[in-house]
């Protein structure tokens, strides 16, 4: 498993983005910032991006990146989730 960070700016006012949230919730996940999700997955960043592209509008922005063990935070509710024993990187 790897930890993948997904962040986005969803720009269409009034648009139903529930399919985006449902897709992200299909993974083991943690979310403590408004538009940032951490996913525990074997799915590639490209595949996640491609699947999100099917669920967002053309002017929405999406960034997907695989994390490594070098990270720092301040008052971040997902820190414990990231530090779980056996976490795959």
Protein backbone atom coordinates (compact mmCIF):
# COMPACT_ATOMS: atom_id res chain seq x y z
CA UNK A 1 0.00 0.00 0.00
CA UNK A 2 1.03 3.60 -0.55
CA UNK A 3 -0.23 6.87 0.86
CA UNK A 4 -1.60 9.16 -1.83
CA UNK A 5 -2.58 12.78 -1.23
CA UNK A 6 -5.44 14.18 -3.30
CA UNK A 7 -6.33 17.85 -3.26
CA UNK A 8 -8.65 19.86 -5.45
CA UNK A 9 -10.41 23.13 -6.20
CA UNK A 10 -13.95 22.36 -7.32
CA UNK A 11 -15.22 25.47 -9.06
CA UNK A 12 -18.74 24.80 -10.37
CA UNK A 13 -21.22 26.49 -8.02
CA UNK A 14 -24.22 24.33 -7.30
CA UNK A 15 -22.69 21.26 -8.94
CA UNK A 16 -23.24 17.93 -7.21
CA UNK A 17 -19.75 16.64 -6.41
CA UNK A 18 -21.01 13.63 -4.44
CA UNK A 19 -19.54 11.22 -7.04
CA UNK A 20 -16.08 12.69 -6.29
CA UNK A 21 -16.53 12.18 -2.55
CA UNK A 22 -17.97 8.69 -3.03
CA UNK A 23 -14.99 7.69 -5.17
CA UNK A 24 -12.49 8.97 -2.59
CA UNK A 25 -14.39 7.21 0.20
CA UNK A 26 -14.01 3.91 -1.68
CA UNK A 27 -10.42 3.84 -0.36
CA UNK A 28 -9.11 3.63 3.19
CA UNK A 29 -8.88 7.37 3.81
CA UNK A 30 -8.32 10.22 6.24
CA UNK A 31 -9.51 13.80 5.76
CA UNK A 32 -8.77 16.68 8.13
CA UNK A 33 -8.39 19.61 5.71
CA UNK A 34 -11.23 20.96 3.61
CA UNK A 35 -10.06 19.80 0.18
CA UNK A 36 -7.28 17.34 1.05
CA UNK A 37 -7.71 13.57 1.27
CA UNK A 38 -5.13 10.97 2.23
CA UNK A 39 -5.70 7.55 0.69
CA UNK A 40 -4.11 4.22 1.58
CA UNK A 41 -4.06 2.41 -1.74
CA UNK A 42 -2.22 0.39 -4.35
CA UNK A 43 -3.95 2.38 -7.10
CA UNK A 44 -1.59 4.57 -9.14
CA UNK A 45 -1.77 8.34 -8.95
CA UNK A 46 -2.52 8.42 -12.68
CA UNK A 47 -5.50 6.09 -12.29
CA UNK A 48 -6.86 8.13 -9.37
CA UNK A 49 -6.47 11.31 -11.42
CA UNK A 50 -8.19 9.71 -14.41
CA UNK A 51 -11.10 8.48 -12.28
CA UNK A 52 -11.51 11.91 -10.68
CA UNK A 53 -11.43 13.54 -14.12
CA UNK A 54 -14.59 11.58 -14.98
CA UNK A 55 -16.33 13.12 -11.95
CA UNK A 56 -15.30 16.80 -12.10
CA UNK A 57 -15.91 19.71 -14.46
CA UNK A 58 -13.38 20.93 -17.01
CA UNK A 59 -12.40 23.99 -14.98
CA UNK A 60 -11.89 22.08 -11.70
CA UNK A 61 -8.33 21.52 -10.48
CA UNK A 62 -7.02 18.21 -9.11
CA UNK A 63 -3.57 17.30 -7.78
CA UNK A 64 -2.63 13.70 -6.87
CA UNK A 65 0.76 12.76 -5.39
CA UNK A 66 2.27 9.75 -3.63
CA UNK A 67 3.68 10.65 -0.22
CA UNK A 68 6.75 9.27 1.50
CA UNK A 69 7.70 9.02 5.16
CA UNK A 70 9.19 12.51 5.22
CA UNK A 71 6.35 14.79 6.27
CA UNK A 72 5.56 17.26 9.02
CA UNK A 73 2.35 18.79 10.27
CA UNK A 74 0.86 21.13 12.84
CA UNK A 75 -2.48 20.33 14.49
CA UNK A 76 -3.20 17.84 11.71
CA UNK A 77 -5.85 15.29 12.62
CA UNK A 78 -4.49 12.68 10.21
CA UNK A 79 -1.02 12.56 11.80
CA UNK A 80 -1.93 9.54 13.93
CA UNK A 81 -3.42 7.84 10.86
CA UNK A 82 -0.16 8.42 8.97
CA UNK A 83 1.92 7.10 11.88
CA UNK A 84 0.05 3.81 12.24
CA UNK A 85 2.35 0.81 12.63
CA UNK A 86 2.74 -1.08 9.39
CA UNK A 87 1.92 1.96 7.24
CA UNK A 88 2.99 1.28 3.67
CA UNK A 89 4.88 3.99 1.86
